[in-house]
Structure formats: structure tokens, C-alpha cells
């Protein structure tokens, strides 16, 4: 696995975000927040949760802010933005 530290300074690769959090549409907000708490110290910056189907295809995104504003028992599929490129 190539790490961000392996890229030359002042390149786009060096500045890209390599740490992402993925989840499934049926995951509850509570489960996702619990997962975030476990790995938060290892992450530099997280703005979105990327939601993948069972084949690993991106089906939606949800902002961290949105996770905190919704009831914890809701499923990601209820709040995710499905208009992704």
C-alpha cells in the first residue's frame, strides 16, 4: 500500500485524502459513529462517509455533520445523498 508520505512534496498526490470511511446502506448511524470513535485517532480529516453496496460500488455519501443531526437509530440509506459522480 502506498502511503501519502511516499509521494513527493507539493504534488497533488501528497495533498490528496487517502483515509476514507465506508459503510453499508443498512448500517445505523449509531454503528457508524461507534466505528468512527474507534479509528478517529488514525485519521487526519474526515468529512464524509462513503456508502457502498455489497459489490463495493458507491451508492451514496453522508456528511459527518448530518450523522450528528439525525436520530442514532436511522439507517444510512435514509439520510445518504445518492447524487454522486
N, C-alpha and C. Protein backbone atom coordinates (compact mmCIF):
# COMPACT_ATOMS: atom_id res chain seq x y z
N UNK A 1 0.84 -1.18 0.00
CA UNK A 1 0.00 0.00 0.00
C UNK A 1 0.89 1.24 0.00
N UNK A 2 0.60 2.15 -0.90
CA UNK A 2 1.36 3.40 -0.96
C UNK A 2 0.75 4.38 0.03
N UNK A 3 1.60 5.01 0.81
CA UNK A 3 1.16 5.98 1.81
C UNK A 3 1.42 7.39 1.30
N UNK A 4 0.70 8.32 1.83
CA UNK A 4 0.86 9.71 1.42
C UNK A 4 2.30 10.19 1.59
N UNK A 5 2.98 9.69 2.60
CA UNK A 5 4.36 10.10 2.86
C UNK A 5 5.30 9.70 1.72
N UNK A 6 4.90 8.71 0.92
CA UNK A 6 5.74 8.22 -0.17
C UNK A 6 5.78 9.16 -1.38
N UNK A 7 4.84 10.10 -1.46
CA UNK A 7 4.78 11.00 -2.62
C UNK A 7 5.68 12.21 -2.42
N UNK A 8 6.10 12.80 -3.53
CA UNK A 8 6.94 13.99 -3.49
C UNK A 8 6.17 15.17 -2.91
N UNK A 9 6.87 16.09 -2.20
CA UNK A 9 6.21 17.28 -1.66
C UNK A 9 5.61 18.14 -2.78
N UNK A 10 4.60 18.90 -2.45
CA UNK A 10 3.96 19.85 -3.37
C UNK A 10 3.37 19.19 -4.61
N UNK A 11 2.95 17.94 -4.50
CA UNK A 11 2.26 17.27 -5.61
C UNK A 11 0.82 17.03 -5.19
N UNK A 12 -0.05 16.86 -6.17
CA UNK A 12 -1.46 16.59 -5.88
C UNK A 12 -1.59 15.30 -5.07
N UNK A 13 -0.77 14.32 -5.39
CA UNK A 13 -0.82 13.05 -4.67
C UNK A 13 -0.52 13.22 -3.19
N UNK A 14 0.41 14.09 -2.89
CA UNK A 14 0.80 14.33 -1.50
C UNK A 14 -0.35 14.99 -0.72
N UNK A 15 -1.18 15.77 -1.43
CA UNK A 15 -2.25 16.52 -0.76
C UNK A 15 -3.59 15.80 -0.73
N UNK A 16 -3.71 14.70 -1.47
CA UNK A 16 -5.00 14.03 -1.55
C UNK A 16 -5.35 13.33 -0.24
N UNK A 17 -6.63 13.14 -0.06
CA UNK A 17 -7.12 12.43 1.11
C UNK A 17 -7.09 10.94 0.81
N UNK A 18 -6.39 10.21 1.65
CA UNK A 18 -6.28 8.77 1.42
C UNK A 18 -7.06 7.95 2.44
N UNK A 19 -7.49 8.59 3.50
CA UNK A 19 -8.23 7.88 4.53
C UNK A 19 -9.72 8.16 4.34
N UNK A 20 -10.48 7.11 4.09
CA UNK A 20 -11.92 7.27 3.96
C UNK A 20 -12.62 6.24 4.83
N UNK A 21 -13.84 6.56 5.19
CA UNK A 21 -14.66 5.66 5.98
C UNK A 21 -15.78 5.17 5.08
N UNK A 22 -15.96 3.86 5.02
CA UNK A 22 -17.03 3.30 4.22
C UNK A 22 -18.02 2.58 5.13
N UNK A 23 -19.24 2.49 4.64
CA UNK A 23 -20.29 1.81 5.38
C UNK A 23 -21.29 1.25 4.38
N UNK A 24 -22.25 0.52 4.86
CA UNK A 24 -23.31 -0.06 4.05
C UNK A 24 -24.61 0.73 4.26
N UNK A 25 -25.49 0.74 3.28
CA UNK A 25 -26.75 1.49 3.40
C UNK A 25 -27.59 1.10 4.61
N UNK A 26 -27.53 -0.16 5.03
CA UNK A 26 -28.34 -0.61 6.16
C UNK A 26 -27.68 -0.39 7.52
N UNK A 27 -26.46 0.15 7.53
CA UNK A 27 -25.80 0.46 8.80
C UNK A 27 -26.54 1.59 9.50
N UNK A 28 -26.65 1.49 10.81
CA UNK A 28 -27.28 2.57 11.58
C UNK A 28 -26.26 3.68 11.82
N UNK A 29 -26.78 4.86 12.05
CA UNK A 29 -25.91 6.00 12.36
C UNK A 29 -25.10 5.70 13.61
N UNK A 30 -25.73 5.08 14.59
CA UNK A 30 -25.01 4.73 15.82
C UNK A 30 -23.80 3.84 15.53
N UNK A 31 -23.98 2.82 14.71
CA UNK A 31 -22.87 1.93 14.38
C UNK A 31 -21.74 2.66 13.67
N UNK A 32 -22.09 3.56 12.77
CA UNK A 32 -21.07 4.32 12.05
C UNK A 32 -20.31 5.24 13.00
N UNK A 33 -21.02 5.92 13.88
CA UNK A 33 -20.35 6.80 14.84
C UNK A 33 -19.46 6.01 15.78
N UNK A 34 -19.90 4.82 16.17
CA UNK A 34 -19.06 3.96 17.01
C UNK A 34 -17.77 3.58 16.27
N UNK A 35 -17.91 3.25 15.00
CA UNK A 35 -16.74 2.91 14.17
C UNK A 35 -15.79 4.11 14.08
N UNK A 36 -16.35 5.29 13.89
CA UNK A 36 -15.51 6.49 13.82
C UNK A 36 -14.73 6.72 15.11
N UNK A 37 -15.39 6.51 16.23
CA UNK A 37 -14.72 6.70 17.51
C UNK A 37 -13.52 5.76 17.67
N UNK A 38 -13.66 4.55 17.16
CA UNK A 38 -12.57 3.56 17.28
C UNK A 38 -11.35 3.93 16.45
N UNK A 39 -11.56 4.56 15.30
CA UNK A 39 -10.42 4.82 14.41
C UNK A 39 -10.08 6.30 14.26
N UNK A 40 -10.75 7.16 15.01
CA UNK A 40 -10.57 8.61 14.87
C UNK A 40 -9.12 9.06 15.04
N UNK A 41 -8.39 8.46 15.94
CA UNK A 41 -7.01 8.89 16.19
C UNK A 41 -6.10 8.63 15.00
N UNK A 42 -6.47 7.69 14.14
CA UNK A 42 -5.66 7.35 12.98
C UNK A 42 -5.95 8.23 11.77
N UNK A 43 -7.00 9.03 11.86
CA UNK A 43 -7.43 9.82 10.70
C UNK A 43 -7.02 11.28 10.84
N UNK A 44 -6.63 11.87 9.72
CA UNK A 44 -6.30 13.29 9.71
C UNK A 44 -7.54 14.15 9.56
N UNK A 45 -8.41 13.77 8.64
CA UNK A 45 -9.58 14.58 8.34
C UNK A 45 -10.65 13.70 7.71
N UNK A 46 -11.85 13.79 8.24
CA UNK A 46 -12.96 13.04 7.67
C UNK A 46 -14.16 13.97 7.58
N UNK A 47 -14.70 14.12 6.38
CA UNK A 47 -15.87 14.96 6.18
C UNK A 47 -17.10 14.14 5.80
N UNK A 48 -16.87 13.02 5.14
CA UNK A 48 -17.96 12.21 4.62
C UNK A 48 -17.77 10.73 4.91
N UNK A 49 -18.90 10.05 4.97
CA UNK A 49 -18.94 8.60 5.00
C UNK A 49 -19.33 8.17 3.59
N UNK A 50 -18.59 7.26 3.01
CA UNK A 50 -18.88 6.77 1.66
C UNK A 50 -19.63 5.45 1.80
N UNK A 51 -20.80 5.39 1.18
CA UNK A 51 -21.69 4.26 1.36
C UNK A 51 -21.65 3.38 0.12
N UNK A 52 -21.25 2.13 0.33
CA UNK A 52 -21.08 1.16 -0.76
C UNK A 52 -22.11 0.05 -0.66
N UNK A 53 -22.50 -0.48 -1.83
CA UNK A 53 -23.38 -1.65 -1.84
C UNK A 53 -22.54 -2.90 -1.59
N UNK A 54 -23.16 -4.05 -1.67
CA UNK A 54 -22.46 -5.31 -1.39
C UNK A 54 -21.40 -5.65 -2.42
N UNK A 55 -21.43 -5.01 -3.58
CA UNK A 55 -20.41 -5.21 -4.61
C UNK A 55 -19.28 -4.20 -4.51
N UNK A 56 -19.34 -3.32 -3.50
CA UNK A 56 -18.31 -2.31 -3.31
C UNK A 56 -18.52 -1.06 -4.15
N UNK A 57 -19.66 -0.95 -4.81
CA UNK A 57 -19.94 0.23 -5.64
C UNK A 57 -20.50 1.36 -4.78
N UNK A 58 -20.05 2.57 -5.05
CA UNK A 58 -20.51 3.74 -4.32
C UNK A 58 -21.98 3.99 -4.64
N UNK A 59 -22.82 4.05 -3.61
CA UNK A 59 -24.24 4.32 -3.82
C UNK A 59 -24.70 5.59 -3.13
N UNK A 60 -23.84 6.18 -2.30
CA UNK A 60 -24.21 7.41 -1.62
C UNK A 60 -23.11 7.91 -0.70
N UNK A 61 -23.35 9.12 -0.19
CA UNK A 61 -22.45 9.71 0.78
C UNK A 61 -23.29 10.38 1.88
N UNK A 62 -22.70 10.53 3.04
CA UNK A 62 -23.34 11.24 4.14
C UNK A 62 -22.27 12.03 4.87
N UNK A 63 -22.57 13.28 5.15
CA UNK A 63 -21.59 14.10 5.87
C UNK A 63 -21.58 13.73 7.35
N UNK A 64 -20.44 13.94 7.96
CA UNK A 64 -20.32 13.69 9.40
C UNK A 64 -21.30 14.57 10.16
N UNK A 65 -21.42 15.80 9.73
CA UNK A 65 -22.36 16.73 10.37
C UNK A 65 -23.77 16.14 10.35
N UNK A 66 -24.19 15.62 9.20
CA UNK A 66 -25.53 15.05 9.07
C UNK A 66 -25.72 13.88 10.03
N UNK A 67 -24.68 13.09 10.24
CA UNK A 67 -24.78 11.96 11.18
C UNK A 67 -25.12 12.44 12.58
N UNK A 68 -24.53 13.57 12.98
CA UNK A 68 -24.78 14.08 14.33
C UNK A 68 -26.15 14.75 14.47
N UNK A 69 -26.74 15.16 13.36
CA UNK A 69 -28.03 15.84 13.40
C UNK A 69 -29.23 14.89 13.33
N UNK A 70 -28.99 13.64 13.04
CA UNK A 70 -30.07 12.67 12.85
C UNK A 70 -30.19 11.73 14.06
N UNK A 71 -31.37 11.14 14.25
CA UNK A 71 -31.52 10.14 15.32
C UNK A 71 -30.57 8.95 15.07
N UNK A 72 -29.99 8.45 16.11
CA UNK A 72 -28.96 7.40 16.00
C UNK A 72 -29.50 6.07 15.49
N UNK A 73 -30.80 5.86 15.55
CA UNK A 73 -31.36 4.59 15.09
C UNK A 73 -31.67 4.60 13.59
N UNK A 74 -31.55 5.74 12.93
CA UNK A 74 -31.78 5.81 11.48
C UNK A 74 -30.71 5.04 10.72
N UNK A 75 -31.08 4.54 9.57
CA UNK A 75 -30.14 3.85 8.68
C UNK A 75 -29.53 4.88 7.73
N UNK A 76 -28.32 4.60 7.28
CA UNK A 76 -27.65 5.49 6.34
C UNK A 76 -28.47 5.69 5.07
N UNK A 77 -29.15 4.64 4.61
CA UNK A 77 -29.94 4.74 3.38
C UNK A 77 -31.07 5.76 3.51
N UNK A 78 -31.43 6.12 4.73
CA UNK A 78 -32.48 7.11 4.95
C UNK A 78 -31.96 8.55 4.84
N UNK A 79 -30.67 8.73 4.99
CA UNK A 79 -30.13 10.11 5.01
C UNK A 79 -29.08 10.35 3.94
N UNK A 80 -28.61 9.31 3.28
CA UNK A 80 -27.49 9.47 2.34
C UNK A 80 -27.91 10.26 1.09
N UNK A 81 -26.94 10.96 0.55
CA UNK A 81 -27.11 11.66 -0.72
C UNK A 81 -26.72 10.68 -1.81
N UNK A 82 -27.66 10.36 -2.68
CA UNK A 82 -27.38 9.37 -3.73
C UNK A 82 -26.93 10.01 -5.04
N UNK A 83 -26.88 11.33 -5.08
CA UNK A 83 -26.44 12.01 -6.29
C UNK A 83 -24.92 12.19 -6.22
N UNK A 84 -24.22 11.11 -6.54
CA UNK A 84 -22.76 11.12 -6.51
C UNK A 84 -22.24 10.89 -7.93
N UNK A 85 -21.08 11.43 -8.19
CA UNK A 85 -20.49 11.31 -9.54
C UNK A 85 -19.76 10.00 -9.67
